[in-house]
Amino acid sequence: MRPVAEPASPPQETGACEAVSLTSALGADEAEIARVMQICNACRYCEGFCAVFPAMTRRLAFDRADTHYLANLCHNCGACLHACQYAPPHEFAVSVPQAMARVRVRTYKDYAWPRAFGRLYDRAGLTVALALAGGLSLFLALAAMMTGGLTHAPLAGNFYAVFPHNLLAVLFSVAFFYAVLALGIGVTRFWWEVSPARDDDTAEAARARVPAVAEALSDVARMRYLGGGHGDGCNEESDRFTLWRRRFHQLTMYGFLVCFAATCVASLYHYGFGMHAPYGLLSAPVVLGSIGGLGLIVGPAGLLWLNLRRDPQHREASQQTLDRGFIALLLLVSATGFALLLLRDTQWMALWLAIHLGTVLALFLTLPYGKFAHGVFRGAALLKFNIEKRLPNRLGLGGD
């Protein structure tokens, strides 16, 4: 653990009356963030660790929108927990990562679209992920069996001899664009609460937007705040720093994006150049899909390994099934994709095509109501932070 500063008392006077009036309207989990941030605002030892603490210093009290914003700005790197002089077993019991984690998943539920579907976050666990993937795979396998059989003479990798191209294009386009729409509406609702129009309707804010967008995109691409406060990495099972969490996240994110690029290139080949599948092993769609699939095996497997070993104080126990359900789907998509690539010229191609398409469809349908949402909401929080830090800190409390 790093050496700590002289203990400071939690705030007793400055902004105390305002804090009481605001936190009284909060839920228990949101009130815990407000309590913890009041203590952190008096201490300031972790001010340089991540974006949460500079954002914190702009506030004397924390309302519902503030707690939702800070919860999504937190990357759960764990550095503040292991450096904190007030962490358990201290009587203040300050655990920033755990307090933020509890509220973070609440924001996904509160801003979900349609609103009633927010309850799906409570069910997006490992069992549901596997059941959904299995059920959709079985449905497609039965459809393939009724039209031509699950075993057949080799079809030279022609997937569309099993399922028509236009049918697959419509089915997966609808699922994908629904996921984009649902996530887009959800994160827009989040933005309206944490960054009201009155806050952005100034000349200063307008000038800040373009560089803020560029910096937020850079933060996401580099996963800057998974590097910890000093670039040494996260704290996982102890106060030892490691960069593996950032590396596994990057493999997962870029693997997903490269797989999406493979699909886009294949669509361009089909509709733009009239080049229809199957494509050769050295073609752009197959090479990109293989590289992306490899990232989606190594990255999620590494995240699962870290998840199993992580210090319990870093996480909210009820969210582990949410994490593992999403990881399981990513691993299934990649594993079944490689199996399909290896078996596409055999009599088992139709069976593995049904299994792979079923897992991909399950992934698309759960994107708006599972762990994937954290990337979208965190990106919005980073954008707000990068706009906010370019504006004058009218509290005059420092921290920028």
Protein backbone atom coordinates (compact mmCIF):
# COMPACT_ATOMS: atom_id res chain seq x y z
CA MET A 1 0.00 0.00 0.00
CA ARG A 2 1.21 3.51 -0.73
CA PRO A 3 2.13 5.80 2.17
CA VAL A 4 -0.89 7.82 3.17
CA ALA A 5 -1.44 11.43 4.03
CA GLU A 6 -2.35 12.67 7.46
CA PRO A 7 -5.90 11.56 8.25
CA ALA A 8 -8.54 14.14 7.62
CA SER A 9 -11.91 14.31 9.26
CA PRO A 10 -15.01 13.89 7.14
CA PRO A 11 -16.67 17.19 6.27
CA GLN A 12 -18.76 18.51 9.11
CA GLU A 13 -19.51 22.10 8.19
CA THR A 14 -18.82 23.13 4.59
CA GLY A 15 -21.86 22.26 2.52
CA ALA A 16 -23.21 19.99 5.27
CA CYS A 17 -26.75 21.39 5.31
CA GLU A 18 -26.94 21.23 1.54
CA ALA A 19 -25.65 17.66 1.60
CA VAL A 20 -28.32 16.55 4.07
CA SER A 21 -31.14 17.98 1.97
CA LEU A 22 -29.85 16.32 -1.19
CA THR A 23 -28.91 12.91 0.16
CA SER A 24 -32.20 12.54 2.00
CA ALA A 25 -33.92 12.13 -1.38
CA LEU A 26 -31.45 9.48 -2.59
CA GLY A 27 -31.79 5.75 -2.50
CA ALA A 28 -29.58 3.85 -0.07
CA ASP A 29 -26.92 3.01 -2.67
CA GLU A 30 -26.84 6.55 -4.07
CA ALA A 31 -26.67 7.98 -0.55
CA GLU A 32 -23.64 5.76 0.10
CA ILE A 33 -21.82 7.33 -2.87
CA ALA A 34 -22.73 10.79 -1.54
CA ARG A 35 -21.39 9.85 1.92
CA VAL A 36 -18.17 8.39 0.53
CA MET A 37 -17.57 11.36 -1.79
CA GLN A 38 -18.03 13.78 1.11
CA ILE A 39 -15.22 11.99 2.96
CA CYS A 40 -13.03 11.81 -0.17
CA ASN A 41 -13.62 15.52 -0.80
CA ALA A 42 -12.16 16.28 2.61
CA CYS A 43 -9.15 14.01 2.12
CA ARG A 44 -8.13 14.44 -1.54
CA TYR A 45 -5.32 11.85 -1.31
CA CYS A 46 -6.57 10.01 -4.42
CA GLU A 47 -7.12 13.18 -6.45
CA GLY A 48 -4.75 12.14 -9.24
CA PHE A 49 -5.85 8.52 -9.47
CA CYS A 50 -8.62 8.74 -12.08
CA ALA A 51 -11.32 10.98 -13.51
CA VAL A 52 -13.71 10.43 -10.59
CA PHE A 53 -11.76 12.54 -8.11
CA PRO A 54 -11.26 15.70 -10.23
CA ALA A 55 -14.98 15.49 -11.10
CA MET A 56 -15.77 15.10 -7.40
CA THR A 57 -13.93 18.30 -6.47
CA ARG A 58 -16.38 20.34 -8.54
CA ARG A 59 -19.18 19.41 -6.15
CA LEU A 60 -19.82 20.10 -2.48
CA ALA A 61 -22.87 17.85 -2.38
CA PHE A 62 -24.04 15.00 -4.57
CA ASP A 63 -27.53 14.59 -5.94
CA ARG A 64 -28.94 11.62 -7.88
CA ALA A 65 -27.54 12.76 -11.23
CA ASP A 66 -24.09 13.27 -9.70
CA THR A 67 -24.00 9.78 -8.22
CA HIS A 68 -25.05 8.23 -11.55
CA TYR A 69 -22.42 10.23 -13.40
CA LEU A 70 -19.59 9.39 -11.01
CA ALA A 71 -20.60 5.71 -10.84
CA ASN A 72 -20.19 5.39 -14.61
CA LEU A 73 -17.01 7.46 -14.63
CA CYS A 74 -15.44 4.96 -12.21
CA HIS A 75 -13.47 2.21 -14.01
CA ASN A 76 -13.17 0.08 -10.87
CA CYS A 77 -9.37 -0.03 -11.11
CA GLY A 78 -9.14 -0.51 -7.34
CA ALA A 79 -6.22 1.87 -6.77
CA CYS A 80 -8.19 4.13 -4.43
CA LEU A 81 -9.37 1.22 -2.29
CA HIS A 82 -5.87 -0.03 -1.57
CA ALA A 83 -4.50 3.48 -0.95
CA CYS A 84 -7.38 4.65 1.25
CA GLN A 85 -6.71 5.22 4.95
CA TYR A 86 -10.47 5.08 5.61
CA ALA A 87 -11.14 1.75 3.87
CA PRO A 88 -12.57 -1.14 5.94
CA PRO A 89 -11.96 -1.98 8.73
CA HIS A 90 -11.82 1.78 9.47
CA GLU A 91 -15.06 3.04 10.99
CA PHE A 92 -15.70 5.26 7.93
CA ALA A 93 -15.75 2.07 5.78
CA VAL A 94 -14.91 3.92 2.55
CA SER A 95 -15.04 1.59 -0.47
CA VAL A 96 -15.33 3.69 -3.60
CA PRO A 97 -15.26 0.74 -6.06
CA GLN A 98 -18.04 -1.16 -4.28
CA ALA A 99 -20.26 1.89 -3.80
CA MET A 100 -19.88 2.86 -7.46
CA ALA A 101 -20.51 -0.70 -8.69
CA ARG A 102 -23.86 -0.91 -6.90
CA VAL A 103 -25.16 2.30 -8.44
CA ARG A 104 -23.61 1.69 -11.85
CA VAL A 105 -25.79 -1.33 -12.61
CA ARG A 106 -28.80 0.59 -11.27
CA THR A 107 -28.26 3.22 -13.97
CA TYR A 108 -28.47 0.58 -16.69
CA LYS A 109 -31.84 -0.54 -15.30
CA ASP A 110 -33.18 2.98 -14.74
CA TYR A 111 -32.38 4.24 -18.25
CA ALA A 112 -33.14 1.03 -20.18
CA TRP A 113 -35.44 1.19 -23.19
CA PRO A 114 -38.16 0.06 -23.11
CA ARG A 115 -38.22 0.82 -19.39
CA ALA A 116 -39.89 -2.46 -18.45
CA PHE A 117 -36.92 -4.30 -19.99
CA GLY A 118 -34.63 -2.87 -17.31
CA ARG A 119 -35.62 -5.85 -15.19
CA LEU A 120 -33.71 -8.05 -17.63
CA TYR A 121 -30.46 -6.88 -16.02
CA ASP A 122 -31.42 -8.97 -13.00
CA ARG A 123 -31.69 -12.04 -15.23
CA ALA A 124 -28.76 -11.52 -17.61
CA GLY A 125 -26.63 -14.11 -15.88
CA LEU A 126 -24.69 -17.15 -16.96
CA THR A 127 -27.65 -19.54 -16.91
CA VAL A 128 -29.89 -17.27 -18.98
CA ALA A 129 -27.08 -16.55 -21.47
CA LEU A 130 -26.41 -20.25 -22.02
CA ALA A 131 -30.13 -21.09 -22.15
CA LEU A 132 -30.84 -18.37 -24.71
CA ALA A 133 -27.89 -19.36 -26.89
CA GLY A 134 -28.87 -23.01 -26.63
CA GLY A 135 -32.54 -22.34 -27.37
CA LEU A 136 -31.84 -20.21 -30.45
CA SER A 137 -29.25 -22.71 -31.70
CA LEU A 138 -31.78 -25.52 -31.31
CA PHE A 139 -34.42 -23.53 -33.18
CA LEU A 140 -32.06 -22.88 -36.09
CA ALA A 141 -30.88 -26.50 -36.05
CA LEU A 142 -34.48 -27.68 -36.33
CA ALA A 143 -35.06 -25.24 -39.19
CA ALA A 144 -31.97 -26.58 -40.98
CA MET A 145 -33.07 -30.16 -40.37
CA MET A 146 -36.50 -29.50 -41.90
CA THR A 147 -35.06 -27.93 -45.03
CA GLY A 148 -32.08 -30.16 -45.75
CA GLY A 149 -30.79 -32.04 -42.72
CA LEU A 150 -28.05 -31.46 -40.18
CA THR A 151 -25.68 -33.83 -41.96
CA HIS A 152 -25.18 -33.59 -45.70
CA ALA A 153 -22.72 -33.93 -48.49
CA PRO A 154 -19.96 -31.29 -48.16
CA LEU A 155 -21.20 -27.94 -49.48
CA ALA A 156 -17.79 -26.29 -49.99
CA GLY A 157 -18.49 -23.85 -47.17
CA ASN A 158 -21.62 -22.42 -48.80
CA PHE A 159 -23.60 -21.29 -45.77
CA TYR A 160 -26.40 -19.95 -47.92
CA ALA A 161 -27.21 -23.45 -49.13
CA VAL A 162 -28.46 -24.01 -45.57
CA PHE A 163 -30.01 -20.61 -44.78
CA PRO A 164 -30.80 -18.08 -47.55
CA HIS A 165 -28.63 -14.99 -47.49
CA ASN A 166 -31.51 -12.52 -47.46
CA LEU A 167 -33.16 -14.33 -44.53
CA LEU A 168 -29.97 -14.11 -42.46
CA ALA A 169 -29.38 -10.49 -43.48
CA VAL A 170 -32.87 -9.44 -42.35
CA LEU A 171 -32.82 -11.50 -39.15
CA PHE A 172 -29.47 -10.25 -37.89
CA SER A 173 -29.92 -6.68 -39.12
CA VAL A 174 -33.15 -6.36 -37.15
CA ALA A 175 -31.53 -7.79 -34.00
CA PHE A 176 -28.42 -5.59 -34.35
CA PHE A 177 -30.23 -2.35 -35.09
CA TYR A 178 -32.68 -2.97 -32.26
CA ALA A 179 -29.70 -3.31 -29.90
CA VAL A 180 -28.23 -0.05 -31.24
CA LEU A 181 -31.59 1.73 -30.88
CA ALA A 182 -32.19 0.48 -27.34
CA LEU A 183 -28.68 1.39 -26.18
CA GLY A 184 -28.87 4.76 -27.95
CA ILE A 185 -32.13 5.74 -26.27
CA GLY A 186 -30.89 4.50 -22.89
CA VAL A 187 -27.63 6.44 -22.97
CA THR A 188 -29.46 9.54 -24.26
CA ARG A 189 -31.74 9.41 -21.20
CA PHE A 190 -28.66 9.08 -19.02
CA TRP A 191 -27.04 12.10 -20.71
CA TRP A 192 -30.13 14.27 -20.25
CA GLU A 193 -30.04 13.65 -16.51
CA VAL A 194 -26.32 13.95 -15.82
CA SER A 195 -25.72 16.78 -18.28
CA PRO A 196 -28.86 18.94 -18.52
CA ALA A 197 -29.22 21.25 -21.50
CA ARG A 198 -28.80 24.31 -19.27
CA ASP A 199 -25.26 23.11 -18.42
CA ASP A 200 -24.27 22.81 -22.08
CA ASP A 201 -25.99 25.92 -23.43
CA THR A 202 -23.04 28.25 -23.03
CA ALA A 203 -20.35 29.54 -25.38
CA GLU A 204 -17.68 27.94 -23.19
CA ALA A 205 -19.36 24.54 -23.43
CA ALA A 206 -19.75 24.86 -27.19
CA ARG A 207 -16.03 25.56 -27.60
CA ALA A 208 -15.19 22.62 -25.36
CA ARG A 209 -17.23 19.99 -27.23
CA VAL A 210 -14.96 19.19 -30.17
CA PRO A 211 -11.71 18.74 -28.21
CA ALA A 212 -13.71 16.95 -25.48
CA VAL A 213 -15.07 14.42 -27.98
CA ALA A 214 -11.57 13.81 -29.34
CA GLU A 215 -10.13 13.28 -25.85
CA ALA A 216 -13.01 11.04 -24.77
CA LEU A 217 -12.50 8.85 -27.84
CA SER A 218 -8.78 8.68 -27.04
CA ASP A 219 -9.54 7.73 -23.43
CA VAL A 220 -11.80 4.92 -24.61
CA ALA A 221 -9.39 3.68 -27.29
CA ARG A 222 -6.45 3.58 -24.86
CA MET A 223 -8.60 2.58 -21.88
CA ARG A 224 -6.65 5.24 -20.06
CA TYR A 225 -8.27 4.83 -16.67
CA LEU A 226 -7.67 1.09 -16.52
CA GLY A 227 -4.05 2.07 -16.12
CA GLY A 228 -4.58 3.27 -12.55
CA GLY A 229 -3.57 6.65 -11.25
CA HIS A 230 0.10 6.35 -12.18
CA GLY A 231 -0.14 4.15 -15.27
CA ASP A 232 0.95 1.04 -13.36
CA GLY A 233 -2.38 -0.71 -13.84
CA CYS A 234 -5.22 -1.93 -11.65
CA ASN A 235 -5.29 -3.60 -8.27
CA GLU A 236 -7.01 -6.96 -8.60
CA GLU A 237 -6.52 -9.45 -5.77
CA SER A 238 -4.12 -7.30 -3.71
CA ASP A 239 -2.36 -3.94 -3.70
CA ARG A 240 0.01 -5.20 -6.40
CA PHE A 241 -0.47 -3.33 -9.68
CA THR A 242 -1.09 -5.14 -12.94
CA LEU A 243 -1.94 -4.04 -16.48
CA TRP A 244 -3.59 -7.35 -17.38
CA ARG A 245 -7.09 -6.04 -16.84
CA ARG A 246 -6.55 -3.26 -19.38
CA ARG A 247 -4.92 -5.67 -21.85
CA PHE A 248 -7.76 -8.18 -21.62
CA HIS A 249 -10.33 -5.40 -22.02
CA GLN A 250 -8.49 -4.12 -25.09
CA LEU A 251 -8.34 -7.59 -26.63
CA THR A 252 -12.07 -7.96 -26.03
CA MET A 253 -13.04 -4.54 -27.39
CA TYR A 254 -10.79 -4.63 -30.44
CA GLY A 255 -11.66 -8.27 -31.09
CA PHE A 256 -15.35 -7.31 -31.18
CA LEU A 257 -14.65 -4.36 -33.49
CA VAL A 258 -12.50 -6.44 -35.86
CA CYS A 259 -15.22 -9.10 -36.06
CA PHE A 260 -17.72 -6.35 -36.86
CA ALA A 261 -15.34 -5.07 -39.54
CA ALA A 262 -15.21 -8.60 -41.03
CA THR A 263 -19.01 -8.59 -41.31
CA CYS A 264 -18.98 -5.14 -42.92
CA VAL A 265 -16.32 -6.19 -45.47
CA ALA A 266 -18.29 -9.35 -46.31
CA SER A 267 -21.41 -7.21 -46.85
CA LEU A 268 -19.42 -4.87 -49.11
CA TYR A 269 -18.17 -7.85 -51.10
CA HIS A 270 -21.70 -9.23 -51.47
CA TYR A 271 -23.68 -6.08 -52.23
CA GLY A 272 -21.01 -3.78 -53.62
CA PHE A 273 -18.83 -6.06 -55.73
CA GLY A 274 -21.12 -9.03 -56.32
CA MET A 275 -18.56 -11.35 -54.69
CA HIS A 276 -20.60 -13.97 -52.86
CA ALA A 277 -19.57 -16.32 -50.06
CA PRO A 278 -17.89 -18.68 -49.39
CA TYR A 279 -14.65 -16.70 -49.19
CA GLY A 280 -11.16 -18.15 -49.17
CA LEU A 281 -9.12 -18.62 -46.03
CA LEU A 282 -6.88 -15.69 -46.97
CA SER A 283 -9.73 -13.34 -47.92
CA ALA A 284 -10.27 -10.16 -45.90
CA PRO A 285 -13.52 -11.31 -44.20
CA VAL A 286 -12.00 -14.62 -43.05
CA VAL A 287 -8.69 -13.12 -41.93
CA LEU A 288 -10.41 -10.28 -40.04
CA GLY A 289 -12.92 -12.68 -38.49
CA SER A 290 -10.13 -15.00 -37.36
CA ILE A 291 -8.09 -12.18 -35.79
CA GLY A 292 -11.13 -10.74 -34.08
CA GLY A 293 -12.27 -14.18 -32.91
CA LEU A 294 -8.87 -14.82 -31.36
CA GLY A 295 -9.17 -11.55 -29.43
CA LEU A 296 -12.65 -12.60 -28.28
CA ILE A 297 -11.25 -15.81 -26.88
CA VAL A 298 -8.12 -14.53 -25.14
CA GLY A 299 -9.68 -11.28 -23.84
CA PRO A 300 -12.86 -12.70 -22.24
CA ALA A 301 -10.99 -15.76 -20.90
CA GLY A 302 -8.52 -13.41 -19.21
CA LEU A 303 -11.30 -11.25 -17.80
CA LEU A 304 -13.00 -14.34 -16.40
CA TRP A 305 -9.73 -15.43 -14.79
CA LEU A 306 -9.33 -11.99 -13.17
CA ASN A 307 -12.97 -11.94 -12.12
CA LEU A 308 -12.58 -15.21 -10.24
CA ARG A 309 -9.49 -13.97 -8.38
CA ARG A 310 -10.49 -10.37 -7.65
CA ASP A 311 -10.65 -8.90 -4.16
CA PRO A 312 -14.32 -9.10 -3.03
CA GLN A 313 -14.18 -5.46 -1.89
CA HIS A 314 -13.73 -4.36 -5.52
CA ARG A 315 -17.06 -5.67 -6.72
CA GLU A 316 -20.71 -6.09 -5.96
CA ALA A 317 -21.37 -9.82 -5.55
CA SER A 318 -24.80 -9.67 -7.20
CA GLN A 319 -23.21 -8.45 -10.46
CA GLN A 320 -20.89 -11.41 -10.97
CA THR A 321 -23.51 -13.36 -12.91
CA LEU A 322 -24.01 -10.32 -15.19
CA ASP A 323 -20.28 -10.21 -15.91
CA ARG A 324 -19.95 -13.93 -16.45
CA GLY A 325 -23.02 -14.25 -18.65
CA PHE A 326 -21.60 -11.70 -21.10
CA ILE A 327 -18.15 -13.29 -21.01
CA ALA A 328 -19.69 -16.72 -21.68
CA LEU A 329 -21.55 -15.45 -24.75
CA LEU A 330 -18.41 -13.83 -26.18
CA LEU A 331 -16.45 -17.05 -25.67
CA LEU A 332 -19.23 -19.13 -27.24
CA VAL A 333 -19.46 -16.86 -30.29
CA SER A 334 -15.70 -17.12 -30.88
CA ALA A 335 -15.39 -20.84 -30.17
CA THR A 336 -18.33 -21.80 -32.38
CA GLY A 337 -17.05 -19.46 -35.09
CA PHE A 338 -13.68 -21.20 -35.20
CA ALA A 339 -15.39 -24.62 -35.14
CA LEU A 340 -17.50 -23.54 -38.12
CA LEU A 341 -14.42 -22.35 -39.99
CA LEU A 342 -12.69 -25.71 -39.45
CA LEU A 343 -15.78 -27.77 -40.34
CA ARG A 344 -17.25 -25.70 -43.15
CA ASP A 345 -16.16 -28.18 -45.83
CA THR A 346 -17.50 -31.22 -43.95
CA GLN A 347 -20.88 -32.90 -43.51
CA TRP A 348 -21.28 -31.15 -40.12
CA MET A 349 -21.31 -27.61 -41.49
CA ALA A 350 -25.09 -27.10 -41.17
CA LEU A 351 -25.10 -28.15 -37.51
CA TRP A 352 -22.24 -25.85 -36.56
CA LEU A 353 -23.70 -23.02 -38.61
CA ALA A 354 -26.95 -23.28 -36.60
CA ILE A 355 -25.03 -23.35 -33.31
CA HIS A 356 -22.86 -20.37 -34.25
CA LEU A 357 -25.74 -18.27 -35.56
CA GLY A 358 -27.77 -19.06 -32.44
CA THR A 359 -25.01 -17.79 -30.13
CA VAL A 360 -24.47 -14.65 -32.24
CA LEU A 361 -28.20 -13.90 -32.20
CA ALA A 362 -28.28 -14.42 -28.42
CA LEU A 363 -25.39 -11.96 -28.05
CA PHE A 364 -27.14 -9.31 -30.17
CA LEU A 365 -30.44 -9.67 -28.30
CA THR A 366 -28.77 -9.28 -24.89
CA LEU A 367 -26.44 -6.39 -25.78
CA PRO A 368 -28.83 -3.67 -24.48
CA TYR A 369 -29.61 -5.55 -21.25
CA GLY A 370 -26.26 -6.99 -20.19
CA LYS A 371 -22.70 -6.07 -19.36
CA PHE A 372 -22.07 -4.57 -22.82
CA ALA A 373 -23.99 -1.47 -21.69
CA HIS A 374 -21.16 -0.45 -19.36
CA GLY A 375 -18.96 0.56 -22.30
CA VAL A 376 -21.64 2.85 -23.75
CA PHE A 377 -22.52 4.53 -20.45
CA ARG A 378 -18.87 4.88 -19.47
CA GLY A 379 -18.13 6.55 -22.80
CA ALA A 380 -20.89 9.10 -22.14
CA ALA A 381 -19.54 9.78 -18.65
CA LEU A 382 -16.05 10.32 -20.06
CA LEU A 383 -17.43 12.78 -22.60
CA LYS A 384 -19.16 14.75 -19.84
CA PHE A 385 -15.95 14.75 -17.80
CA ASN A 386 -13.87 16.01 -20.73
CA ILE A 387 -16.35 18.81 -21.39
CA GLU A 388 -16.65 19.69 -17.72
CA LYS A 389 -12.92 19.91 -17.04
CA ARG A 390 -12.55 22.50 -19.82
CA LEU A 391 -15.03 24.80 -18.10
CA PRO A 392 -14.23 27.08 -15.15
CA ASN A 393 -14.50 25.39 -11.77
CA ARG A 394 -16.80 27.90 -10.11
CA LEU A 395 -16.37 26.28 -6.73
CA GLY A 396 -12.69 27.20 -6.81
CA LEU A 397 -11.78 23.90 -5.20
CA GLY A 398 -8.99 22.84 -7.54
CA GLY A 399 -8.60 19.33 -8.82
CA ASP A 400 -8.40 20.00 -12.57
